[in-house]
PDB file of N, CA and C in Angstrom:
ATOM      1  N   MET A   1     168.646 106.800 121.118  1.00  0.00           N
ATOM      2  CA  MET A   1     168.611 105.396 120.769  1.00  0.00           C
ATOM      3  C   MET A   1     167.195 105.003 120.393  1.00  0.00           C
ATOM      4  N   ASN A   2     167.068 104.239 119.333  1.00  0.00           N
ATOM      5  CA  ASN A   2     165.775 103.767 118.869  1.00  0.00           C
ATOM      6  C   ASN A   2     165.278 102.680 119.820  1.00  0.00           C
ATOM      7  N   ARG A   3     164.135 102.882 120.433  1.00  0.00           N
ATOM      8  CA  ARG A   3     163.631 101.931 121.420  1.00  0.00           C
ATOM      9  C   ARG A   3     162.988 100.693 120.799  1.00  0.00           C
ATOM     10  N   THR A   4     162.687 100.728 119.497  1.00  0.00           N
ATOM     11  CA  THR A   4     162.035  99.584 118.885  1.00  0.00           C
ATOM     12  C   THR A   4     163.027  98.608 118.266  1.00  0.00           C
ATOM     13  N   ARG A   5     164.262  99.024 118.062  1.00  0.00           N
ATOM     14  CA  ARG A   5     165.265  98.150 117.459  1.00  0.00           C
ATOM     15  C   ARG A   5     166.481  98.042 118.362  1.00  0.00           C
ATOM     16  N   PRO A   6     167.004  96.845 118.525  1.00  0.00           N
ATOM     17  CA  PRO A   6     168.217  96.686 119.337  1.00  0.00           C
ATOM     18  C   PRO A   6     169.424  97.344 118.675  1.00  0.00           C
ATOM     19  N   VAL A   7     170.399  97.678 119.471  1.00  0.00           N
ATOM     20  CA  VAL A   7     171.663  98.205 118.960  1.00  0.00           C
ATOM     21  C   VAL A   7     172.318  97.126 118.108  1.00  0.00           C
ATOM     22  N   VAL A   8     172.957  97.518 117.025  1.00  0.00           N
ATOM     23  CA  VAL A   8     173.637  96.559 116.157  1.00  0.00           C
ATOM     24  C   VAL A   8     175.143  96.787 116.244  1.00  0.00           C
ATOM     25  N   ALA A   9     175.886  95.702 116.379  1.00  0.00           N
ATOM     26  CA  ALA A   9     177.347  95.762 116.489  1.00  0.00           C
ATOM     27  C   ALA A   9     177.930  94.614 115.667  1.00  0.00           C
ATOM     28  N   ARG A  10     179.225  94.340 115.861  1.00  0.00           N
ATOM     29  CA  ARG A  10     179.914  93.204 115.244  1.00  0.00           C
ATOM     30  C   ARG A  10     180.604  92.401 116.335  1.00  0.00           C
ATOM     31  N   ALA A  11     180.929  91.157 116.050  1.00  0.00           N
ATOM     32  CA  ALA A  11     181.628  90.337 117.044  1.00  0.00           C
ATOM     33  C   ALA A  11     182.841  89.680 116.407  1.00  0.00           C
ATOM     34  N   TYR A  12     183.900  89.594 117.201  1.00  0.00           N
ATOM     35  CA  TYR A  12     185.182  89.062 116.754  1.00  0.00           C
ATOM     36  C   TYR A  12     185.650  87.970 117.699  1.00  0.00           C
ATOM     37  N   ASP A  13     186.528  87.091 117.191  1.00  0.00           N
ATOM     38  CA  ASP A  13     187.109  86.067 118.058  1.00  0.00           C
ATOM     39  C   ASP A  13     188.409  86.583 118.668  1.00  0.00           C
ATOM     40  N   GLN A  14     189.085  85.724 119.434  1.00  0.00           N
ATOM     41  CA  GLN A  14     190.286  86.138 120.156  1.00  0.00           C
ATOM     42  C   GLN A  14     191.440  86.517 119.222  1.00  0.00           C
ATOM     43  N   GLU A  15     191.396  86.073 117.965  1.00  0.00           N
ATOM     44  CA  GLU A  15     192.439  86.436 116.998  1.00  0.00           C
ATOM     45  C   GLU A  15     192.085  87.699 116.219  1.00  0.00           C
ATOM     46  N   GLY A  16     190.919  88.279 116.504  1.00  0.00           N
ATOM     47  CA  GLY A  16     190.500  89.481 115.800  1.00  0.00           C
ATOM     48  C   GLY A  16     189.753  89.216 114.503  1.00  0.00           C
ATOM     49  N   GLN A  17     189.414  87.951 114.243  1.00  0.00           N
ATOM     50  CA  GLN A  17     188.660  87.606 113.043  1.00  0.00           C
ATOM     51  C   GLN A  17     187.190  87.957 113.237  1.00  0.00           C
ATOM     52  N   LEU A  18     186.591  88.571 112.227  1.00  0.00           N
ATOM     53  CA  LEU A  18     185.169  88.903 112.263  1.00  0.00           C
ATOM     54  C   LEU A  18     184.356  87.611 112.232  1.00  0.00           C
ATOM     55  N   ILE A  19     183.502  87.413 113.218  1.00  0.00           N
ATOM     56  CA  ILE A  19     182.660  86.216 113.290  1.00  0.00           C
ATOM     57  C   ILE A  19     181.219  86.554 112.918  1.00  0.00           C
ATOM     58  N   PHE A  20     180.659  87.573 113.554  1.00  0.00           N
ATOM     59  CA  PHE A  20     179.279  87.982 113.287  1.00  0.00           C
ATOM     60  C   PHE A  20     179.266  89.395 112.729  1.00  0.00           C
ATOM     61  N   THR A  21     178.650  89.559 111.547  1.00  0.00           N
ATOM     62  CA  THR A  21     178.609  90.877 110.911  1.00  0.00           C
ATOM     63  C   THR A  21     177.499  91.749 111.486  1.00  0.00           C
ATOM     64  N   ARG A  22     176.458  91.105 112.011  1.00  0.00           N
ATOM     65  CA  ARG A  22     175.387  91.862 112.677  1.00  0.00           C
ATOM     66  C   ARG A  22     175.074  91.193 114.007  1.00  0.00           C
ATOM     67  N   VAL A  23     175.343  91.921 115.071  1.00  0.00           N
ATOM     68  CA  VAL A  23     175.023  91.451 116.413  1.00  0.00           C
ATOM     69  C   VAL A  23     173.957  92.376 116.958  1.00  0.00           C
ATOM     70  N   PHE A  24     172.805  91.824 117.258  1.00  0.00           N
ATOM     71  CA  PHE A  24     171.713  92.600 117.824  1.00  0.00           C
ATOM     72  C   PHE A  24     171.819  92.513 119.340  1.00  0.00           C
ATOM     73  N   LEU A  25     171.848  93.666 119.984  1.00  0.00           N
ATOM     74  CA  LEU A  25     172.022  93.753 121.436  1.00  0.00           C
ATOM     75  C   LEU A  25     170.747  94.317 122.055  1.00  0.00           C
ATOM     76  N   PRO A  26     169.772  93.463 122.342  1.00  0.00           N
ATOM     77  CA  PRO A  26     168.536  93.959 122.926  1.00  0.00           C
ATOM     78  C   PRO A  26     168.786  94.550 124.312  1.00  0.00           C
ATOM     79  N   SER A  27     168.273  95.756 124.540  1.00  0.00           N
ATOM     80  CA  SER A  27     168.546  96.425 125.812  1.00  0.00           C
ATOM     81  C   SER A  27     167.303  96.657 126.661  1.00  0.00           C
ATOM     82  N   THR A  28     166.148  96.761 126.036  1.00  0.00           N
ATOM     83  CA  THR A  28     164.934  96.984 126.821  1.00  0.00           C
ATOM     84  C   THR A  28     164.288  95.639 127.162  1.00  0.00           C
ATOM     85  N   PHE A  29     163.409  95.659 128.125  1.00  0.00           N
ATOM     86  CA  PHE A  29     162.702  94.444 128.530  1.00  0.00           C
ATOM     87  C   PHE A  29     161.963  93.829 127.341  1.00  0.00           C
ATOM     88  N   LEU A  30     161.256  94.648 126.570  1.00  0.00           N
ATOM     89  CA  LEU A  30     160.490  94.116 125.443  1.00  0.00           C
ATOM     90  C   LEU A  30     161.386  93.564 124.349  1.00  0.00           C
ATOM     91  N   GLN A  31     162.513  94.210 124.074  1.00  0.00           N
ATOM     92  CA  GLN A  31     163.456  93.691 123.084  1.00  0.00           C
ATOM     93  C   GLN A  31     163.999  92.342 123.531  1.00  0.00           C
ATOM     94  N   ARG A  32     164.348  92.230 124.803  1.00  0.00           N
ATOM     95  CA  ARG A  32     164.886  90.973 125.334  1.00  0.00           C
ATOM     96  C   ARG A  32     163.821  89.880 125.328  1.00  0.00           C
ATOM     97  N   LEU A  33     162.606  90.240 125.671  1.00  0.00           N
ATOM     98  CA  LEU A  33     161.510  89.281 125.703  1.00  0.00           C
ATOM     99  C   LEU A  33     161.224  88.741 124.301  1.00  0.00           C
ATOM    100  N   ARG A  34     161.238  89.624 123.323  1.00  0.00           N
ATOM    101  CA  ARG A  34     160.924  89.210 121.955  1.00  0.00           C
ATOM    102  C   ARG A  34     162.069  88.429 121.323  1.00  0.00           C
ATOM    103  N   GLY A  35     163.282  88.937 121.405  1.00  0.00           N
ATOM    104  CA  GLY A  35     164.414  88.240 120.782  1.00  0.00           C
ATOM    105  C   GLY A  35     164.108  87.863 119.346  1.00  0.00           C
ATOM    106  N   LEU A  36     164.178  86.569 119.038  1.00  0.00           N
ATOM    107  CA  LEU A  36     163.899  86.081 117.688  1.00  0.00           C
ATOM    108  C   LEU A  36     162.436  85.687 117.478  1.00  0.00           C
ATOM    109  N   LEU A  37     161.606  85.825 118.497  1.00  0.00           N
ATOM    110  CA  LEU A  37     160.197  85.444 118.369  1.00  0.00           C
ATOM    111  C   LEU A  37     159.514  86.242 117.265  1.00  0.00           C
ATOM    112  N   GLY A  38     158.804  85.547 116.408  1.00  0.00           N
ATOM    113  CA  GLY A  38     158.060  86.192 115.339  1.00  0.00           C
ATOM    114  C   GLY A  38     158.920  86.680 114.186  1.00  0.00           C
ATOM    115  N   ARG A  39     160.192  86.382 114.214  1.00  0.00           N
ATOM    116  CA  ARG A  39     161.097  86.810 113.145  1.00  0.00           C
ATOM    117  C   ARG A  39     161.426  85.627 112.239  1.00  0.00           C
ATOM    118  N   LYS A  40     161.982  85.943 111.076  1.00  0.00           N
ATOM    119  CA  LYS A  40     162.500  84.899 110.189  1.00  0.00           C
ATOM    120  C   LYS A  40     163.818  84.417 110.768  1.00  0.00           C
ATOM    121  N   ALA A  41     164.230  83.235 110.355  1.00  0.00           N
ATOM    122  CA  ALA A  41     165.525  82.708 110.813  1.00  0.00           C
ATOM    123  C   ALA A  41     166.621  83.701 110.440  1.00  0.00           C
ATOM    124  N   PRO A  42     167.558  83.958 111.348  1.00  0.00           N
ATOM    125  CA  PRO A  42     168.618  84.931 111.057  1.00  0.00           C
ATOM    126  C   PRO A  42     169.573  84.411 109.982  1.00  0.00           C
ATOM    127  N   TYR A  43     170.307  85.341 109.384  1.00  0.00           N
ATOM    128  CA  TYR A  43     171.354  84.962 108.428  1.00  0.00           C
ATOM    129  C   TYR A  43     172.491  84.273 109.167  1.00  0.00           C
ATOM    130  N   LEU A  44     173.366  83.619 108.427  1.00  0.00           N
ATOM    131  CA  LEU A  44     174.459  82.846 109.011  1.00  0.00           C
ATOM    132  C   LEU A  44     175.316  83.671 109.972  1.00  0.00           C
ATOM    133  N   ARG A  45     175.649  84.892 109.637  1.00  0.00           N
ATOM    134  CA  ARG A  45     176.534  85.709 110.469  1.00  0.00           C
ATOM    135  C   ARG A  45     175.789  86.739 111.313  1.00  0.00           C
ATOM    136  N   ASP A  46     174.500  86.488 111.552  1.00  0.00           N
ATOM    137  CA  ASP A  46     173.710  87.309 112.478  1.00  0.00           C
ATOM    138  C   ASP A  46     173.691  86.643 113.843  1.00  0.00           C
ATOM    139  N   ALA A  47     173.630  87.448 114.890  1.00  0.00           N
ATOM    140  CA  ALA A  47     173.545  86.915 116.251  1.00  0.00           C
ATOM    141  C   ALA A  47     172.700  87.838 117.111  1.00  0.00           C
ATOM    142  N   TRP A  48     171.942  87.237 118.003  1.00  0.00           N
ATOM    143  CA  TRP A  48     171.211  87.984 119.039  1.00  0.00           C
ATOM    144  C   TRP A  48     171.948  87.709 120.338  1.00  0.00           C
ATOM    145  N   TRP A  49     172.490  88.745 120.975  1.00  0.00           N
ATOM    146  CA  TRP A  49     173.395  88.629 122.122  1.00  0.00           C
ATOM    147  C   TRP A  49     172.711  89.204 123.351  1.00  0.00           C
ATOM    148  N   PHE A  50     172.462  88.354 124.331  1.00  0.00           N
ATOM    149  CA  PHE A  50     171.780  88.755 125.563  1.00  0.00           C
ATOM    150  C   PHE A  50     172.777  88.792 126.714  1.00  0.00           C
ATOM    151  N   LYS A  51     172.855  89.952 127.353  1.00  0.00           N
ATOM    152  CA  LYS A  51     173.795  90.135 128.468  1.00  0.00           C
ATOM    153  C   LYS A  51     173.182  91.094 129.482  1.00  0.00           C
ATOM    154  N   PRO A  52     173.130  90.759 130.736  1.00  0.00           N
ATOM    155  CA  PRO A  52     173.438  89.470 131.344  1.00  0.00           C
ATOM    156  C   PRO A  52     172.304  88.484 131.090  1.00  0.00           C
ATOM    157  N   CYS A  53     172.669  87.213 131.009  1.00  0.00           N
ATOM    158  CA  CYS A  53     171.682  86.178 130.733  1.00  0.00           C
ATOM    159  C   CYS A  53     172.337  84.815 130.914  1.00  0.00           C
ATOM    160  N   SER A  54     171.628  83.887 131.540  1.00  0.00           N
ATOM    161  CA  SER A  54     172.164  82.532 131.685  1.00  0.00           C
ATOM    162  C   SER A  54     171.218  81.476 131.103  1.00  0.00           C
ATOM    163  N   ALA A  55     170.042  81.903 130.638  1.00  0.00           N
ATOM    164  CA  ALA A  55     169.082  80.948 130.081  1.00  0.00           C
ATOM    165  C   ALA A  55     168.197  81.635 129.048  1.00  0.00           C
ATOM    166  N   ILE A  56     167.796  80.855 128.049  1.00  0.00           N
ATOM    167  CA  ILE A  56     166.829  81.355 127.052  1.00  0.00           C
ATOM    168  C   ILE A  56     165.763  80.290 126.854  1.00  0.00           C
ATOM    169  N   HIS A  57     164.663  80.707 126.229  1.00  0.00           N
ATOM    170  CA  HIS A  57     163.609  79.752 125.876  1.00  0.00           C
ATOM    171  C   HIS A  57     163.306  79.907 124.396  1.00  0.00           C
ATOM    172  N   THR A  58     162.732  78.865 123.826  1.00  0.00           N
ATOM    173  CA  THR A  58     162.337  78.926 122.423  1.00  0.00           C
ATOM    174  C   THR A  58     160.828  78.726 122.271  1.00  0.00           C
ATOM    175  N   PHE A  59     160.071  79.001 123.317  1.00  0.00           N
ATOM    176  CA  PHE A  59     158.614  78.895 123.241  1.00  0.00           C
ATOM    177  C   PHE A  59     158.099  79.937 122.258  1.00  0.00           C
ATOM    178  N   GLY A  60     157.275  79.503 121.327  1.00  0.00           N
ATOM    179  CA  GLY A  60     156.720  80.403 120.322  1.00  0.00           C
ATOM    180  C   GLY A  60     157.595  80.574 119.094  1.00  0.00           C
ATOM    181  N   MET A  61     158.777  79.977 119.086  1.00  0.00           N
ATOM    182  CA  MET A  61     159.654  80.094 117.922  1.00  0.00           C
ATOM    183  C   MET A  61     159.163  79.143 116.830  1.00  0.00           C
ATOM    184  N   ARG A  62     159.488  79.485 115.583  1.00  0.00           N
ATOM    185  CA  ARG A  62     159.056  78.674 114.444  1.00  0.00           C
ATOM    186  C   ARG A  62     160.171  77.809 113.876  1.00  0.00           C
ATOM    187  N   PHE A  63     161.375  77.924 114.430  1.00  0.00           N
ATOM    188  CA  PHE A  63     162.522  77.217 113.873  1.00  0.00           C
ATOM    189  C   PHE A  63     163.523  76.942 114.991  1.00  0.00           C
ATOM    190  N   PRO A  64     164.353  75.909 114.831  1.00  0.00           N
ATOM    191  CA  PRO A  64     165.400  75.639 115.826  1.00  0.00           C
ATOM    192  C   PRO A  64     166.524  76.665 115.695  1.00  0.00           C
ATOM    193  N   ILE A  65     167.291  76.838 116.774  1.00  0.00           N
ATOM    194  CA  ILE A  65     168.426  77.768 116.780  1.00  0.00           C
ATOM    195  C   ILE A  65     169.620  77.125 117.478  1.00  0.00           C
ATOM    196  N   ASP A  66     170.793  77.646 117.184  1.00  0.00           N
ATOM    197  CA  ASP A  66     171.988  77.295 117.944  1.00  0.00           C
ATOM    198  C   ASP A  66     172.120  78.309 119.072  1.00  0.00           C
ATOM    199  N   VAL A  67     172.567  77.860 120.230  1.00  0.00           N
ATOM    200  CA  VAL A  67     172.700  78.730 121.396  1.00  0.00           C
ATOM    201  C   VAL A  67     174.110  78.602 121.960  1.00  0.00           C
ATOM    202  N   LEU A  68     174.754  79.745 122.162  1.00  0.00           N
ATOM    203  CA  LEU A  68     176.068  79.790 122.808  1.00  0.00           C
ATOM    204  C   LEU A  68     175.897  80.351 124.198  1.00  0.00           C
ATOM    205  N   HIS A  69     176.410  79.661 125.195  1.00  0.00           N
ATOM    206  CA  HIS A  69     176.442  80.184 126.560  1.00  0.00           C
ATOM    207  C   HIS A  69     177.867  80.651 126.821  1.00  0.00           C
ATOM    208  N   LEU A  70     178.018  81.905 127.208  1.00  0.00           N
ATOM    209  CA  LEU A  70     179.334  82.507 127.395  1.00  0.00           C
ATOM    210  C   LEU A  70     179.583  82.883 128.844  1.00  0.00           C
ATOM    211  N   SER A  71     180.857  82.912 129.207  1.00  0.00           N
ATOM    212  CA  SER A  71     181.265  83.395 130.525  1.00  0.00           C
ATOM    213  C   SER A  71     181.185  84.928 130.531  1.00  0.00           C
ATOM    214  N   ARG A  72     181.433  85.512 131.665  1.00  0.00           N
ATOM    215  CA  ARG A  72     181.470  86.972 131.799  1.00  0.00           C
ATOM    216  C   ARG A  72     182.501  87.574 130.837  1.00  0.00           C
ATOM    217  N   GLU A  73     183.608  86.845 130.620  1.00  0.00           N
ATOM    218  CA  GLU A  73     184.702  87.319 129.764  1.00  0.00           C
ATOM    219  C   GLU A  73     184.477  87.008 128.280  1.00  0.00           C
ATOM    220  N   GLY A  74     183.381  86.320 127.947  1.00  0.00           N
ATOM    221  CA  GLY A  74     183.073  86.024 126.554  1.00  0.00           C
ATOM    222  C   GLY A  74     183.558  84.675 126.051  1.00  0.00           C
ATOM    223  N   ARG A  75     184.041  83.805 126.948  1.00  0.00           N
ATOM    224  CA  ARG A  75     184.460  82.455 126.544  1.00  0.00           C
ATOM    225  C   ARG A  75     183.227  81.565 126.377  1.00  0.00           C
ATOM    226  N   ILE A  76     183.234  80.789 125.319  1.00  0.00           N
ATOM    227  CA  ILE A  76     182.117  79.865 125.083  1.00  0.00           C
ATOM    228  C   ILE A  76     182.215  78.727 126.095  1.00  0.00           C
ATOM    229  N   LEU A  77     181.187  78.607 126.919  1.00  0.00           N
ATOM    230  CA  LEU A  77     181.120  77.542 127.930  1.00  0.00           C
ATOM    231  C   LEU A  77     180.365  76.327 127.412  1.00  0.00           C
ATOM    232  N   ARG A  78     179.354  76.571 126.604  1.00  0.00           N
ATOM    233  CA  ARG A  78     178.506  75.484 126.090  1.00  0.00           C
ATOM    234  C   ARG A  78     177.922  75.910 124.749  1.00  0.00           C
ATOM    235  N   ILE A  79     177.831  74.952 123.852  1.00  0.00           N
ATOM    236  CA  ILE A  79     177.160  75.157 122.571  1.00  0.00           C
ATOM    237  C   ILE A  79     176.002  74.177 122.517  1.00  0.00           C
ATOM    238  N   SER A  80     174.797  74.710 122.399  1.00  0.00           N
ATOM    239  CA  SER A  80     173.606  73.872 122.253  1.00  0.00           C
ATOM    240  C   SER A  80     173.148  74.016 120.808  1.00  0.00           C
ATOM    241  N   ALA A  81     173.374  72.985 120.014  1.00  0.00           N
ATOM    242  CA  ALA A  81     173.054  73.034 118.589  1.00  0.00           C
ATOM    243  C   ALA A  81     171.613  72.619 118.341  1.00  0.00           C
ATOM    244  N   ALA A  82     170.986  73.302 117.403  1.00  0.00           N
ATOM    245  CA  ALA A  82     169.639  72.957 116.924  1.00  0.00           C
ATOM    246  C   ALA A  82     168.625  72.805 118.058  1.00  0.00           C
ATOM    247  N   VAL A  83     168.561  73.793 118.940  1.00  0.00           N
ATOM    248  CA  VAL A  83     167.569  73.773 120.024  1.00  0.00           C
ATOM    249  C   VAL A  83     166.198  73.991 119.382  1.00  0.00           C
ATOM    250  N   PRO A  84     165.308  73.005 119.484  1.00  0.00           N
ATOM    251  CA  PRO A  84     164.007  73.122 118.814  1.00  0.00           C
ATOM    252  C   PRO A  84     163.065  74.070 119.555  1.00  0.00           C
ATOM    253  N   PRO A  85     161.969  74.455 118.895  1.00  0.00           N
ATOM    254  CA  PRO A  85     160.960  75.280 119.569  1.00  0.00           C
ATOM    255  C   PRO A  85     160.452  74.602 120.847  1.00  0.00           C
ATOM    256  N   SER A  86     160.005  75.429 121.769  1.00  0.00           N
ATOM    257  CA  SER A  86     159.406  74.995 123.035  1.00  0.00           C
ATOM    258  C   SER A  86     160.390  74.301 123.970  1.00  0.00           C
ATOM    259  N   ARG A  87     161.624  74.806 123.995  1.00  0.00           N
ATOM    260  CA  ARG A  87     162.653  74.278 124.899  1.00  0.00           C
ATOM    261  C   ARG A  87     163.282  75.411 125.692  1.00  0.00           C
ATOM    262  N   ILE A  88     164.066  75.023 126.692  1.00  0.00           N
ATOM    263  CA  ILE A  88     164.838  75.973 127.499  1.00  0.00           C
ATOM    264  C   ILE A  88     166.298  75.534 127.430  1.00  0.00           C
ATOM    265  N   SER A  89     167.195  76.498 127.318  1.00  0.00           N
ATOM    266  CA  SER A  89     168.632  76.213 127.328  1.00  0.00           C
ATOM    267  C   SER A  89     169.249  77.027 128.464  1.00  0.00           C
ATOM    268  N   ILE A  90     169.846  76.314 129.442  1.00  0.00           N
ATOM    269  CA  ILE A  90     170.378  76.952 130.654  1.00  0.00           C
ATOM    270  C   ILE A  90     171.838  76.573 130.839  1.00  0.00           C
ATOM    271  N   CYS A  91     172.609  77.526 131.331  1.00  0.00           N
ATOM    272  CA  CYS A  91     173.981  77.267 131.759  1.00  0.00           C
ATOM    273  C   CYS A  91     174.189  78.104 133.025  1.00  0.00           C
ATOM    274  N   ALA A  92     174.163  77.447 134.169  1.00  0.00           N
ATOM    275  CA  ALA A  92     174.232  78.161 135.451  1.00  0.00           C
ATOM    276  C   ALA A  92     175.477  79.030 135.568  1.00  0.00           C
ATOM    277  N   ALA A  93     176.582  78.605 134.980  1.00  0.00           N
ATOM    278  CA  ALA A  93     177.829  79.380 135.053  1.00  0.00           C
ATOM    279  C   ALA A  93     177.875  80.492 134.007  1.00  0.00           C
ATOM    280  N   GLY A  94     176.903  80.501 133.097  1.00  0.00           N
ATOM    281  CA  GLY A  94     176.898  81.477 132.011  1.00  0.00           C
ATOM    282  C   GLY A  94     176.516  82.873 132.464  1.00  0.00           C
ATOM    283  N   HIS A  95     177.009  83.848 131.717  1.00  0.00           N
ATOM    284  CA  HIS A  95     176.699  85.257 131.981  1.00  0.00           C
ATOM    285  C   HIS A  95     176.127  85.940 130.738  1.00  0.00           C
ATOM    286  N   GLN A  96     176.279  85.297 129.580  1.00  0.00           N
ATOM    287  CA  GLN A  96     175.799  85.840 128.321  1.00  0.00           C
ATOM    288  C   GLN A  96     175.274  84.692 127.478  1.00  0.00           C
ATOM    289  N   VAL A  97     174.295  84.992 126.621  1.00  0.00           N
ATOM    290  CA  VAL A  97     173.759  83.994 125.706  1.00  0.00           C
ATOM    291  C   VAL A  97     173.697  84.607 124.313  1.00  0.00           C
ATOM    292  N   VAL A  98     174.094  83.811 123.329  1.00  0.00           N
ATOM    293  CA  VAL A  98     174.047  84.241 121.934  1.00  0.00           C
ATOM    294  C   VAL A  98     173.169  83.261 121.166  1.00  0.00           C
ATOM    295  N   GLU A  99     172.164  83.788 120.474  1.00  0.00           N
ATOM    296  CA  GLU A  99     171.280  82.972 119.649  1.00  0.00           C
ATOM    297  C   GLU A  99     171.687  83.125 118.187  1.00  0.00           C
ATOM    298  N   LEU A 100     171.770  81.972 117.496  1.00  0.00           N
ATOM    299  CA  LEU A 100     172.235  81.936 116.105  1.00  0.00           C
ATOM    300  C   LEU A 100     171.308  81.095 115.245  1.00  0.00           C
ATOM    301  N   ARG A 101     171.461  81.245 113.961  1.00  0.00           N
ATOM    302  CA  ARG A 101     170.770  80.385 113.007  1.00  0.00           C
ATOM    303  C   ARG A 101     171.198  78.935 113.257  1.00  0.00           C
ATOM    304  N   GLU A 102     170.284  78.008 113.084  1.00  0.00           N
ATOM    305  CA  GLU A 102     170.623  76.592 113.232  1.00  0.00           C
ATOM    306  C   GLU A 102     171.778  76.239 112.295  1.00  0.00           C
ATOM    307  N   GLY A 103     172.801  75.597 112.844  1.00  0.00           N
ATOM    308  CA  GLY A 103     173.955  75.186 112.055  1.00  0.00           C
ATOM    309  C   GLY A 103     175.067  76.218 111.985  1.00  0.00           C
ATOM    310  N   ALA A 104     174.813  77.432 112.466  1.00  0.00           N
ATOM    311  CA  ALA A 104     175.813  78.504 112.373  1.00  0.00           C
ATOM    312  C   ALA A 104     177.044  78.216 113.228  1.00  0.00           C
ATOM    313  N   ALA A 105     176.858  77.645 114.410  1.00  0.00           N
ATOM    314  CA  ALA A 105     178.003  77.374 115.286  1.00  0.00           C
ATOM    315  C   ALA A 105     179.001  76.444 114.593  1.00  0.00           C
ATOM    316  N   ALA A 106     178.507  75.404 113.961  1.00  0.00           N
ATOM    317  CA  ALA A 106     179.396  74.478 113.249  1.00  0.00           C
ATOM    318  C   ALA A 106     179.970  75.120 111.990  1.00  0.00           C
ATOM    319  N   ALA A 107     179.132  75.819 111.230  1.00  0.00           N
ATOM    320  CA  ALA A 107     179.587  76.448 109.987  1.00  0.00           C
ATOM    321  C   ALA A 107     180.680  77.484 110.243  1.00  0.00           C
ATOM    322  N   LEU A 108     180.587  78.189 111.382  1.00  0.00           N
ATOM    323  CA  LEU A 108     181.579  79.212 111.726  1.00  0.00           C
ATOM    324  C   LEU A 108     182.724  78.641 112.557  1.00  0.00           C
ATOM    325  N   ARG A 109     182.695  77.323 112.765  1.00  0.00           N
ATOM    326  CA  ARG A 109     183.740  76.595 113.500  1.00  0.00           C
ATOM    327  C   ARG A 109     183.936  77.115 114.922  1.00  0.00           C
ATOM    328  N   LEU A 110     182.832  77.424 115.582  1.00  0.00           N
ATOM    329  CA  LEU A 110     182.906  77.877 116.976  1.00  0.00           C
ATOM    330  C   LEU A 110     183.056  76.660 117.875  1.00  0.00           C
ATOM    331  N   GLU A 111     183.890  76.792 118.895  1.00  0.00           N
ATOM    332  CA  GLU A 111     184.144  75.691 119.815  1.00  0.00           C
ATOM    333  C   GLU A 111     184.138  76.192 121.253  1.00  0.00           C
ATOM    334  N   VAL A 112     183.841  75.280 122.172  1.00  0.00           N
ATOM    335  CA  VAL A 112     183.937  75.605 123.596  1.00  0.00           C
ATOM    336  C   VAL A 112     185.360  76.085 123.866  1.00  0.00           C
ATOM    337  N   GLY A 113     185.476  77.187 124.595  1.00  0.00           N
ATOM    338  CA  GLY A 113     186.775  77.763 124.908  1.00  0.00           C
ATOM    339  C   GLY A 113     187.121  78.978 124.059  1.00  0.00           C
ATOM    340  N   ASN A 114     186.496  79.089 122.844  1.00  0.00           N
ATOM    341  CA  ASN A 114     186.716  80.288 122.035  1.00  0.00           C
ATOM    342  C   ASN A 114     186.220  81.504 122.796  1.00  0.00           C
ATOM    343  N   ARG A 115     186.873  82.633 122.577  1.00  0.00           N
ATOM    344  CA  ARG A 115     186.445  83.884 123.216  1.00  0.00           C
ATOM    345  C   ARG A 115     185.866  84.787 122.143  1.00  0.00           C
ATOM    346  N   LEU A 116     184.689  85.365 122.419  1.00  0.00           N
ATOM    347  CA  LEU A 116     184.037  86.291 121.507  1.00  0.00           C
ATOM    348  C   LEU A 116     183.928  87.664 122.154  1.00  0.00           C
ATOM    349  N   GLU A 117     183.980  88.688 121.326  1.00  0.00           N
ATOM    350  CA  GLU A 117     183.939  90.060 121.811  1.00  0.00           C
ATOM    351  C   GLU A 117     183.082  90.910 120.877  1.00  0.00           C
ATOM    352  N   VAL A 118     182.205  91.709 121.453  1.00  0.00           N
ATOM    353  CA  VAL A 118     181.363  92.623 120.671  1.00  0.00           C
ATOM    354  C   VAL A 118     182.048  93.969 120.579  1.00  0.00           C
ATOM    355  N   ARG A 119     182.022  94.536 119.387  1.00  0.00           N
ATOM    356  CA  ARG A 119     182.526  95.906 119.177  1.00  0.00           C
ATOM    357  C   ARG A 119     181.469  96.675 118.414  1.00  0.00           C
ATOM    358  N   ARG A 120     181.237  97.904 118.858  1.00  0.00           N
ATOM    359  CA  ARG A 120     180.247  98.756 118.161  1.00  0.00           C
ATOM    360  C   ARG A 120     180.914  99.616 117.129  1.00  0.00           C
TER     361      ARG A 120
END
């Protein structure tokens, strides 16, 4: 496994529809720490998926992002749209966090209660 790049997968909804064409799964401490920091805004169907995780920060980011907080089973518990730089997004009941391009959650019609699943 390449230690400098996260694993890339795809994500689907409960009906089997492809939602994210590129899901980055950071596995090392440094990959998780960096996330989207210092990167360009992701494409519409790109996602950074952190597991396990219940909170993220946007300190040092150059652009706002949409944040999905998911349950252990992948159900969307909370959608935080357009989280600006220098903020924290927390969901105590969350077990996974997905970072998206600003506006992606609405554009992809994601809603609280939807279930998402990563497949490699």
